[in-house]
Amino acid sequence: MSRKTPAPPALPASYGDAVAQLEQLIAGLESGQLPLEDLLGQYQRGTELLRYCRERLQAVESQVKVLDDDAAEAQPWTDE
């Protein structure tokens, strides 16, 4: 009888969903109520969510930088 490895959880639908999941994980970890067997899995999921959030933030920062650079190069608008 072989033991199946569960499929990895899907990525969150949004940054807000990831943050909400992280908050739930942290609350569970801090509560001390999780069985020892579940702690590592929850910690791993937390690191995945954290990585997702960091990647999303970096993508937004890159977009803002492009917009800022474009705005700095734009000619000021005058009503002449």
N, C-alpha and C. Protein backbone atom coordinates (compact mmCIF):
# COMPACT_ATOMS: atom_id res chain seq x y z
N MET A 1 0.84 -1.17 0.00
CA MET A 1 0.00 0.00 0.00
C MET A 1 0.89 1.23 0.00
N SER A 2 0.80 2.05 -1.04
CA SER A 2 1.63 3.24 -1.14
C SER A 2 0.89 4.44 -0.56
N ARG A 3 1.68 5.33 -0.03
CA ARG A 3 1.12 6.53 0.57
C ARG A 3 1.24 7.68 -0.42
N LYS A 4 0.13 8.33 -0.71
CA LYS A 4 0.14 9.43 -1.67
C LYS A 4 0.53 10.72 -0.96
N THR A 5 1.37 11.50 -1.64
CA THR A 5 1.73 12.80 -1.14
C THR A 5 0.64 13.77 -1.55
N PRO A 6 0.14 14.56 -0.59
CA PRO A 6 -0.93 15.51 -0.97
C PRO A 6 -0.40 16.56 -1.93
N ALA A 7 -1.28 17.00 -2.80
CA ALA A 7 -0.90 18.04 -3.77
C ALA A 7 -0.63 19.33 -3.02
N PRO A 8 0.34 20.10 -3.50
CA PRO A 8 0.62 21.37 -2.83
C PRO A 8 -0.58 22.30 -2.94
N PRO A 9 -0.82 23.09 -1.91
CA PRO A 9 -1.96 24.02 -1.98
C PRO A 9 -1.77 25.02 -3.11
N ALA A 10 -2.87 25.44 -3.65
CA ALA A 10 -2.83 26.40 -4.76
C ALA A 10 -2.36 27.76 -4.26
N LEU A 11 -1.84 28.55 -5.19
CA LEU A 11 -1.46 29.91 -4.84
C LEU A 11 -2.71 30.70 -4.48
N PRO A 12 -2.57 31.67 -3.63
CA PRO A 12 -3.73 32.49 -3.28
C PRO A 12 -4.24 33.27 -4.49
N ALA A 13 -5.50 33.64 -4.43
CA ALA A 13 -6.11 34.38 -5.54
C ALA A 13 -5.59 35.81 -5.61
N SER A 14 -5.14 36.35 -4.48
CA SER A 14 -4.67 37.73 -4.47
C SER A 14 -3.70 37.93 -3.31
N TYR A 15 -3.07 39.09 -3.31
CA TYR A 15 -2.17 39.46 -2.23
C TYR A 15 -2.94 39.49 -0.90
N GLY A 16 -4.14 40.05 -0.93
CA GLY A 16 -4.96 40.13 0.28
C GLY A 16 -5.31 38.75 0.83
N ASP A 17 -5.60 37.81 -0.06
CA ASP A 17 -5.88 36.44 0.37
C ASP A 17 -4.64 35.81 1.02
N ALA A 18 -3.49 36.08 0.44
CA ALA A 18 -2.24 35.53 0.99
C ALA A 18 -1.99 36.06 2.39
N VAL A 19 -2.20 37.36 2.57
CA VAL A 19 -2.00 37.97 3.89
C VAL A 19 -2.98 37.38 4.89
N ALA A 20 -4.23 37.20 4.49
CA ALA A 20 -5.22 36.62 5.38
C ALA A 20 -4.84 35.19 5.78
N GLN A 21 -4.36 34.41 4.81
CA GLN A 21 -3.93 33.05 5.12
C GLN A 21 -2.73 33.05 6.05
N LEU A 22 -1.80 33.98 5.83
CA LEU A 22 -0.63 34.09 6.71
C LEU A 22 -1.07 34.43 8.14
N GLU A 23 -2.02 35.34 8.28
CA GLU A 23 -2.51 35.71 9.60
C GLU A 23 -3.13 34.51 10.31
N GLN A 24 -3.88 33.70 9.58
CA GLN A 24 -4.48 32.51 10.16
C GLN A 24 -3.41 31.50 10.58
N LEU A 25 -2.41 31.32 9.72
CA LEU A 25 -1.32 30.40 10.05
C LEU A 25 -0.57 30.85 11.30
N ILE A 26 -0.28 32.13 11.37
CA ILE A 26 0.45 32.65 12.52
C ILE A 26 -0.36 32.46 13.79
N ALA A 27 -1.65 32.74 13.72
CA ALA A 27 -2.50 32.55 14.89
C ALA A 27 -2.49 31.09 15.33
N GLY A 28 -2.55 30.19 14.38
CA GLY A 28 -2.52 28.76 14.71
C GLY A 28 -1.20 28.34 15.32
N LEU A 29 -0.10 28.85 14.75
CA LEU A 29 1.22 28.52 15.27
C LEU A 29 1.42 29.08 16.68
N GLU A 30 0.96 30.31 16.89
CA GLU A 30 1.13 30.96 18.19
C GLU A 30 0.23 30.37 19.26
N SER A 31 -0.87 29.77 18.84
CA SER A 31 -1.81 29.23 19.82
C SER A 31 -1.25 28.04 20.57
N GLY A 32 -0.31 27.35 19.94
CA GLY A 32 0.24 26.16 20.57
C GLY A 32 -0.70 24.97 20.53
N GLN A 33 -1.76 25.06 19.77
CA GLN A 33 -2.77 24.01 19.72
C GLN A 33 -2.57 23.03 18.57
N LEU A 34 -1.63 23.32 17.68
CA LEU A 34 -1.41 22.42 16.55
C LEU A 34 -0.60 21.21 16.98
N PRO A 35 -0.96 20.05 16.49
CA PRO A 35 -0.13 18.88 16.77
C PRO A 35 1.25 19.05 16.15
N LEU A 36 2.23 18.47 16.76
CA LEU A 36 3.61 18.60 16.31
C LEU A 36 3.75 18.21 14.84
N GLU A 37 3.01 17.19 14.40
CA GLU A 37 3.09 16.72 13.02
C GLU A 37 2.64 17.79 12.03
N ASP A 38 1.76 18.69 12.46
CA ASP A 38 1.23 19.71 11.56
C ASP A 38 2.07 20.98 11.54
N LEU A 39 2.91 21.17 12.53
CA LEU A 39 3.68 22.41 12.63
C LEU A 39 4.58 22.65 11.43
N LEU A 40 5.31 21.63 11.01
CA LEU A 40 6.23 21.80 9.89
C LEU A 40 5.47 22.13 8.61
N GLY A 41 4.37 21.44 8.36
CA GLY A 41 3.58 21.71 7.16
C GLY A 41 3.02 23.13 7.17
N GLN A 42 2.56 23.58 8.31
CA GLN A 42 2.04 24.95 8.41
C GLN A 42 3.15 25.97 8.22
N TYR A 43 4.31 25.67 8.78
CA TYR A 43 5.45 26.57 8.62
C TYR A 43 5.86 26.65 7.14
N GLN A 44 5.88 25.51 6.47
CA GLN A 44 6.23 25.49 5.05
C GLN A 44 5.22 26.27 4.23
N ARG A 45 3.96 26.12 4.52
CA ARG A 45 2.92 26.87 3.81
C ARG A 45 3.11 28.37 4.05
N GLY A 46 3.46 28.72 5.27
CA GLY A 46 3.72 30.13 5.57
C GLY A 46 4.87 30.69 4.76
N THR A 47 5.93 29.91 4.58
CA THR A 47 7.06 30.40 3.78
C THR A 47 6.66 30.55 2.31
N GLU A 48 5.80 29.67 1.82
CA GLU A 48 5.31 29.78 0.44
C GLU A 48 4.48 31.06 0.27
N LEU A 49 3.62 31.32 1.24
CA LEU A 49 2.78 32.51 1.18
C LEU A 49 3.63 33.78 1.29
N LEU A 50 4.62 33.74 2.16
CA LEU A 50 5.52 34.89 2.30
C LEU A 50 6.27 35.15 1.01
N ARG A 51 6.74 34.10 0.37
CA ARG A 51 7.44 34.25 -0.92
C ARG A 51 6.50 34.86 -1.96
N TYR A 52 5.26 34.39 -2.00
CA TYR A 52 4.27 34.93 -2.93
C TYR A 52 4.07 36.42 -2.68
N CYS A 53 3.92 36.81 -1.41
CA CYS A 53 3.70 38.22 -1.08
C CYS A 53 4.90 39.06 -1.48
N ARG A 54 6.09 38.59 -1.21
CA ARG A 54 7.30 39.34 -1.58
C ARG A 54 7.39 39.52 -3.09
N GLU A 55 7.08 38.48 -3.83
CA GLU A 55 7.13 38.57 -5.29
C GLU A 55 6.11 39.57 -5.82
N ARG A 56 4.91 39.55 -5.24
CA ARG A 56 3.88 40.50 -5.67
C ARG A 56 4.29 41.93 -5.34
N LEU A 57 4.85 42.14 -4.15
CA LEU A 57 5.30 43.48 -3.77
C LEU A 57 6.41 43.97 -4.68
N GLN A 58 7.35 43.09 -5.02
CA GLN A 58 8.44 43.47 -5.92
C GLN A 58 7.91 43.83 -7.30
N ALA A 59 6.92 43.10 -7.77
CA ALA A 59 6.32 43.39 -9.07
C ALA A 59 5.65 44.76 -9.05
N VAL A 60 4.93 45.06 -7.99
CA VAL A 60 4.27 46.36 -7.89
C VAL A 60 5.30 47.48 -7.78
N GLU A 61 6.35 47.26 -6.99
CA GLU A 61 7.41 48.26 -6.87
C GLU A 61 8.05 48.55 -8.22
N SER A 62 8.25 47.51 -9.02
CA SER A 62 8.82 47.69 -10.36
C SER A 62 7.89 48.53 -11.23
N GLN A 63 6.60 48.26 -11.15
CA GLN A 63 5.63 49.01 -11.94
C GLN A 63 5.59 50.47 -11.51
N VAL A 64 5.66 50.71 -10.21
CA VAL A 64 5.65 52.09 -9.70
C VAL A 64 6.90 52.81 -10.17
N LYS A 65 8.04 52.14 -10.15
CA LYS A 65 9.29 52.76 -10.60
C LYS A 65 9.19 53.16 -12.07
N VAL A 66 8.62 52.29 -12.89
CA VAL A 66 8.45 52.61 -14.31
C VAL A 66 7.55 53.83 -14.46
N LEU A 67 6.46 53.86 -13.71
CA LEU A 67 5.54 55.01 -13.78
C LEU A 67 6.22 56.29 -13.31
N ASP A 68 6.99 56.20 -12.22
CA ASP A 68 7.71 57.37 -11.72
C ASP A 68 8.72 57.87 -12.74
N ASP A 69 9.45 56.94 -13.36
CA ASP A 69 10.44 57.32 -14.37
C ASP A 69 9.76 57.99 -15.56
N ASP A 70 8.61 57.44 -15.97
CA ASP A 70 7.88 58.04 -17.09
C ASP A 70 7.37 59.43 -16.72
N ALA A 71 6.90 59.60 -15.50
CA ALA A 71 6.39 60.90 -15.06
C ALA A 71 7.51 61.92 -14.98
N ALA A 72 8.69 61.51 -14.57
CA ALA A 72 9.83 62.43 -14.47
C ALA A 72 10.28 62.89 -15.86
N GLU A 73 10.12 62.05 -16.85
CA GLU A 73 10.53 62.40 -18.22
C GLU A 73 9.48 63.20 -18.97
N ALA A 74 8.26 63.17 -18.48
CA ALA A 74 7.16 63.87 -19.18
C ALA A 74 7.35 65.38 -19.06
N GLN A 75 6.93 66.05 -20.11
CA GLN A 75 6.98 67.51 -20.10
C GLN A 75 5.83 68.02 -19.23
N PRO A 76 6.08 69.07 -18.46
CA PRO A 76 4.99 69.63 -17.66
C PRO A 76 3.88 70.16 -18.56
N TRP A 77 2.67 70.00 -18.14
CA TRP A 77 1.53 70.42 -18.92
C TRP A 77 1.26 71.90 -18.62
N THR A 78 1.08 72.66 -19.65
CA THR A 78 0.75 74.09 -19.47
C THR A 78 -0.48 74.40 -20.28
N ASP A 79 -1.17 75.41 -19.86
CA ASP A 79 -2.41 75.81 -20.53
C ASP A 79 -2.16 77.05 -21.38
N GLU A 80 -1.28 76.90 -22.35
CA GLU A 80 -0.94 78.01 -23.23
C GLU A 80 -1.40 77.78 -24.63
